[in-house]
C-alpha atoms as a PDB file:
ATOM      1  CA  UNK A   1       7.945   9.052  22.028  1.00  0.00           C
ATOM      2  CA  UNK A   2      10.178   6.528  24.100  1.00  0.00           C
ATOM      3  CA  UNK A   3      13.858   7.026  23.347  1.00  0.00           C
ATOM      4  CA  UNK A   4      15.697   3.791  22.909  1.00  0.00           C
ATOM      5  CA  UNK A   5      19.253   3.694  24.364  1.00  0.00           C
ATOM      6  CA  UNK A   6      21.951   3.141  21.641  1.00  0.00           C
ATOM      7  CA  UNK A   7      23.271   0.134  23.648  1.00  0.00           C
ATOM      8  CA  UNK A   8      20.112  -1.708  22.632  1.00  0.00           C
ATOM      9  CA  UNK A   9      20.267  -3.230  19.093  1.00  0.00           C
ATOM     10  CA  UNK A  10      16.969  -5.186  19.509  1.00  0.00           C
ATOM     11  CA  UNK A  11      13.687  -4.246  20.131  1.00  0.00           C
ATOM     12  CA  UNK A  12      10.499  -6.050  21.454  1.00  0.00           C
ATOM     13  CA  UNK A  13       7.327  -5.765  19.442  1.00  0.00           C
ATOM     14  CA  UNK A  14       6.011  -3.282  22.075  1.00  0.00           C
ATOM     15  CA  UNK A  15       9.030  -1.071  21.751  1.00  0.00           C
ATOM     16  CA  UNK A  16       8.879  -1.356  17.810  1.00  0.00           C
ATOM     17  CA  UNK A  17       5.107  -0.433  17.896  1.00  0.00           C
ATOM     18  CA  UNK A  18       5.786   2.650  20.379  1.00  0.00           C
ATOM     19  CA  UNK A  19       8.795   4.093  18.172  1.00  0.00           C
ATOM     20  CA  UNK A  20       7.198   3.478  14.744  1.00  0.00           C
ATOM     21  CA  UNK A  21       3.836   4.166  15.273  1.00  0.00           C
ATOM     22  CA  UNK A  22       2.321   0.729  13.995  1.00  0.00           C
ATOM     23  CA  UNK A  23      -0.124  -1.029  15.903  1.00  0.00           C
ATOM     24  CA  UNK A  24       1.502  -4.683  17.258  1.00  0.00           C
ATOM     25  CA  UNK A  25      -1.086  -6.474  15.089  1.00  0.00           C
ATOM     26  CA  UNK A  26       0.398  -4.647  12.139  1.00  0.00           C
ATOM     27  CA  UNK A  27       3.698  -5.570  12.881  1.00  0.00           C
ATOM     28  CA  UNK A  28       2.737  -9.151  13.033  1.00  0.00           C
ATOM     29  CA  UNK A  29       0.963  -8.754   9.643  1.00  0.00           C
ATOM     30  CA  UNK A  30       4.127  -6.952   8.115  1.00  0.00           C
ATOM     31  CA  UNK A  31       6.346 -10.068   9.639  1.00  0.00           C
ATOM     32  CA  UNK A  32       3.838 -12.577   8.515  1.00  0.00           C
ATOM     33  CA  UNK A  33       3.843 -11.031   4.682  1.00  0.00           C
ATOM     34  CA  UNK A  34       7.381 -10.908   4.601  1.00  0.00           C
ATOM     35  CA  UNK A  35       8.252  -7.525   4.814  1.00  0.00           C
ATOM     36  CA  UNK A  36       9.950  -7.454   8.049  1.00  0.00           C
ATOM     37  CA  UNK A  37      11.704 -10.152  10.066  1.00  0.00           C
ATOM     38  CA  UNK A  38      12.575 -10.942  13.704  1.00  0.00           C
ATOM     39  CA  UNK A  39      14.571 -13.620  15.353  1.00  0.00           C
ATOM     40  CA  UNK A  40      12.916 -15.582  18.414  1.00  0.00           C
ATOM     41  CA  UNK A  41      14.100 -15.591  21.965  1.00  0.00           C
ATOM     42  CA  UNK A  42      14.758 -18.573  24.103  1.00  0.00           C
ATOM     43  CA  UNK A  43      11.306 -18.048  25.621  1.00  0.00           C
ATOM     44  CA  UNK A  44       9.981 -17.468  21.811  1.00  0.00           C
ATOM     45  CA  UNK A  45       9.513 -13.611  22.202  1.00  0.00           C
ATOM     46  CA  UNK A  46      10.175 -11.585  18.927  1.00  0.00           C
ATOM     47  CA  UNK A  47      13.081  -9.506  18.656  1.00  0.00           C
ATOM     48  CA  UNK A  48      13.672  -6.955  15.826  1.00  0.00           C
ATOM     49  CA  UNK A  49      16.643  -4.877  14.878  1.00  0.00           C
ATOM     50  CA  UNK A  50      16.914  -1.301  15.207  1.00  0.00           C
ATOM     51  CA  UNK A  51      16.722  -0.778  11.564  1.00  0.00           C
ATOM     52  CA  UNK A  52      13.592  -2.278  11.572  1.00  0.00           C
ATOM     53  CA  UNK A  53      12.322   1.006  12.611  1.00  0.00           C
ATOM     54  CA  UNK A  54      13.240   2.628   9.058  1.00  0.00           C
ATOM     55  CA  UNK A  55      11.758  -0.491   7.125  1.00  0.00           C
ATOM     56  CA  UNK A  56       8.567  -0.123   9.211  1.00  0.00           C
ATOM     57  CA  UNK A  57       8.561   3.736   8.261  1.00  0.00           C
ATOM     58  CA  UNK A  58       9.382   3.045   4.723  1.00  0.00           C
ATOM     59  CA  UNK A  59       6.432   0.555   4.818  1.00  0.00           C
ATOM     60  CA  UNK A  60       3.936   2.758   6.175  1.00  0.00           C
ATOM     61  CA  UNK A  61       4.844   5.867   3.880  1.00  0.00           C
ATOM     62  CA  UNK A  62       4.662   3.716   1.059  1.00  0.00           C
ATOM     63  CA  UNK A  63       1.042   2.410   1.987  1.00  0.00           C
ATOM     64  CA  UNK A  64      -0.178   6.149   2.551  1.00  0.00           C
ATOM     65  CA  UNK A  65       0.355   6.910  -0.833  1.00  0.00           C
ATOM     66  CA  UNK A  66      -1.551   3.836  -2.047  1.00  0.00           C
ATOM     67  CA  UNK A  67       1.109   1.235  -3.041  1.00  0.00           C
ATOM     68  CA  UNK A  68       0.026  -2.418  -2.460  1.00  0.00           C
ATOM     69  CA  UNK A  69       1.839  -4.258   0.282  1.00  0.00           C
ATOM     70  CA  UNK A  70       2.626  -6.795  -2.432  1.00  0.00           C
ATOM     71  CA  UNK A  71       4.336  -4.295  -4.444  1.00  0.00           C
ATOM     72  CA  UNK A  72       6.294  -2.844  -1.312  1.00  0.00           C
ATOM     73  CA  UNK A  73       7.453  -6.460  -0.592  1.00  0.00           C
ATOM     74  CA  UNK A  74       9.025  -6.791  -4.074  1.00  0.00           C
ATOM     75  CA  UNK A  75      10.729  -3.499  -3.739  1.00  0.00           C
ATOM     76  CA  UNK A  76      12.039  -4.397  -0.341  1.00  0.00           C
ATOM     77  CA  UNK A  77      13.196  -7.835  -1.745  1.00  0.00           C
ATOM     78  CA  UNK A  78      15.130  -6.080  -4.791  1.00  0.00           C
ATOM     79  CA  UNK A  79      17.386  -4.210  -1.876  1.00  0.00           C
ATOM     80  CA  UNK A  80      20.798  -5.814  -1.727  1.00  0.00           C
ATOM     81  CA  UNK A  81      20.763  -8.004   1.366  1.00  0.00           C
ATOM     82  CA  UNK A  82      17.516  -7.184   2.273  1.00  0.00           C
ATOM     83  CA  UNK A  83      19.245  -4.053   3.862  1.00  0.00           C
ATOM     84  CA  UNK A  84      16.925  -1.131   4.800  1.00  0.00           C
ATOM     85  CA  UNK A  85      15.870   1.295   2.649  1.00  0.00           C
ATOM     86  CA  UNK A  86      17.740   4.552   2.337  1.00  0.00           C
ATOM     87  CA  UNK A  87      16.778   7.923   0.754  1.00  0.00           C
ATOM     88  CA  UNK A  88      18.252   7.046  -2.146  1.00  0.00           C
ATOM     89  CA  UNK A  89      16.256   3.737  -2.336  1.00  0.00           C
ATOM     90  CA  UNK A  90      12.988   5.477  -1.582  1.00  0.00           C
ATOM     91  CA  UNK A  91      13.852   7.982  -4.602  1.00  0.00           C
ATOM     92  CA  UNK A  92      14.617   5.567  -6.942  1.00  0.00           C
ATOM     93  CA  UNK A  93      11.243   3.478  -6.026  1.00  0.00           C
ATOM     94  CA  UNK A  94       9.071   6.372  -5.584  1.00  0.00           C
ATOM     95  CA  UNK A  95       9.956   7.310  -9.124  1.00  0.00           C
ATOM     96  CA  UNK A  96       9.293   3.800 -10.419  1.00  0.00           C
ATOM     97  CA  UNK A  97       6.118   4.246  -8.813  1.00  0.00           C
ATOM     98  CA  UNK A  98       4.891   7.933 -10.264  1.00  0.00           C
ATOM     99  CA  UNK A  99       3.291   6.397 -13.200  1.00  0.00           C
ATOM    100  CA  UNK A 100       1.037   4.004 -10.993  1.00  0.00           C
ATOM    101  CA  UNK A 101       0.552   7.123  -8.860  1.00  0.00           C
ATOM    102  CA  UNK A 102      -0.509   9.269 -11.633  1.00  0.00           C
ATOM    103  CA  UNK A 103      -2.923   6.696 -13.085  1.00  0.00           C
ATOM    104  CA  UNK A 104      -4.655   6.444  -9.263  1.00  0.00           C
ATOM    105  CA  UNK A 105      -4.759  10.412  -9.295  1.00  0.00           C
ATOM    106  CA  UNK A 106      -6.356  10.314 -12.552  1.00  0.00           C
ATOM    107  CA  UNK A 107      -9.092   7.818 -11.534  1.00  0.00           C
ATOM    108  CA  UNK A 108      -9.731   9.578  -8.250  1.00  0.00           C
ATOM    109  CA  UNK A 109     -10.240  13.003 -10.128  1.00  0.00           C
ATOM    110  CA  UNK A 110     -12.889  11.020 -12.443  1.00  0.00           C
ATOM    111  CA  UNK A 111     -14.665  10.001  -9.611  1.00  0.00           C
ATOM    112  CA  UNK A 112     -14.730  13.199  -7.761  1.00  0.00           C
ATOM    113  CA  UNK A 113     -15.993  15.165 -10.937  1.00  0.00           C
ATOM    114  CA  UNK A 114     -18.641  12.500 -11.526  1.00  0.00           C
ATOM    115  CA  UNK A 115     -19.719  11.588  -8.253  1.00  0.00           C
ATOM    116  CA  UNK A 116     -22.373  13.926  -8.254  1.00  0.00           C
ATOM    117  CA  UNK A 117     -23.938  12.221 -11.452  1.00  0.00           C
ATOM    118  CA  UNK A 118     -23.830   8.976 -10.086  1.00  0.00           C
ATOM    119  CA  UNK A 119     -26.178   9.860  -7.072  1.00  0.00           C
ATOM    120  CA  UNK A 120     -29.013  10.309  -9.486  1.00  0.00           C
ATOM    121  CA  UNK A 121     -28.114   7.609 -11.792  1.00  0.00           C
ATOM    122  CA  UNK A 122     -28.783   4.526  -9.655  1.00  0.00           C
ATOM    123  CA  UNK A 123     -27.059   2.542 -12.438  1.00  0.00           C
ATOM    124  CA  UNK A 124     -29.814   2.163 -14.114  1.00  0.00           C
ATOM    125  CA  UNK A 125     -28.062   2.582 -17.425  1.00  0.00           C
ATOM    126  CA  UNK A 126     -24.184   2.085 -17.707  1.00  0.00           C
ATOM    127  CA  UNK A 127     -23.897   3.360 -21.085  1.00  0.00           C
ATOM    128  CA  UNK A 128     -22.469   6.749 -20.186  1.00  0.00           C
ATOM    129  CA  UNK A 129     -21.438   5.836 -16.756  1.00  0.00           C
ATOM    130  CA  UNK A 130     -17.786   7.512 -16.540  1.00  0.00           C
ATOM    131  CA  UNK A 131     -17.102   5.275 -13.506  1.00  0.00           C
ATOM    132  CA  UNK A 132     -18.084   1.617 -14.442  1.00  0.00           C
ATOM    133  CA  UNK A 133     -17.700   2.441 -18.274  1.00  0.00           C
ATOM    134  CA  UNK A 134     -14.665   5.085 -18.177  1.00  0.00           C
ATOM    135  CA  UNK A 135     -13.882   6.455 -21.898  1.00  0.00           C
ATOM    136  CA  UNK A 136     -17.166   4.645 -22.802  1.00  0.00           C
ATOM    137  CA  UNK A 137     -14.791   1.452 -23.939  1.00  0.00           C
ATOM    138  CA  UNK A 138     -18.040  -0.641 -24.497  1.00  0.00           C
ATOM    139  CA  UNK A 139     -20.260   2.047 -25.721  1.00  0.00           C
ATOM    140  CA  UNK A 140     -19.471   1.113 -29.589  1.00  0.00           C
ATOM    141  CA  UNK A 141     -21.085  -2.251 -28.809  1.00  0.00           C
ATOM    142  CA  UNK A 142     -24.251  -1.435 -28.013  1.00  0.00           C
ATOM    143  CA  UNK A 143     -26.338   0.646 -25.630  1.00  0.00           C
ATOM    144  CA  UNK A 144     -27.682  -0.124 -22.090  1.00  0.00           C
ATOM    145  CA  UNK A 145     -26.009  -2.269 -19.254  1.00  0.00           C
ATOM    146  CA  UNK A 146     -23.524  -4.100 -21.185  1.00  0.00           C
ATOM    147  CA  UNK A 147     -21.508  -5.540 -18.647  1.00  0.00           C
ATOM    148  CA  UNK A 148     -24.647  -7.548 -17.398  1.00  0.00           C
ATOM    149  CA  UNK A 149     -25.824  -8.475 -20.514  1.00  0.00           C
ATOM    150  CA  UNK A 150     -22.446  -9.977 -21.703  1.00  0.00           C
ATOM    151  CA  UNK A 151     -22.093 -11.850 -18.403  1.00  0.00           C
ATOM    152  CA  UNK A 152     -25.234 -13.703 -19.245  1.00  0.00           C
END
């Protein structure tokens, strides 16, 4: 991994990509979505401050655990003066995201545990499907494919 000399305070998009492990296209996408910012040189080239490295690491870590970009953007916007997240910020934000992640884990466990049932089903009847009808929320109304019947 290339090292950045201490005297360099700004990075090109290529340097940021090399150091962060994110593709240049991902960095452009993050910038377009307002997750990171750059300044433009006289030649219209992007320059990122060094602290953008930590911001990109924060974004990528949050994405790896399934946090949507809109939620990440909201979290970053709550930081004072749009500063780079610290370890304490990550701890606070991850605690706030814990219930959302717990719900996703529950859903994934349900999917894993009932995926074998799905292969033989073919979704001919959704009355007992734990994936499309979790906890049989519609089962009290009527049998069969209620979601399709109600859509008509």
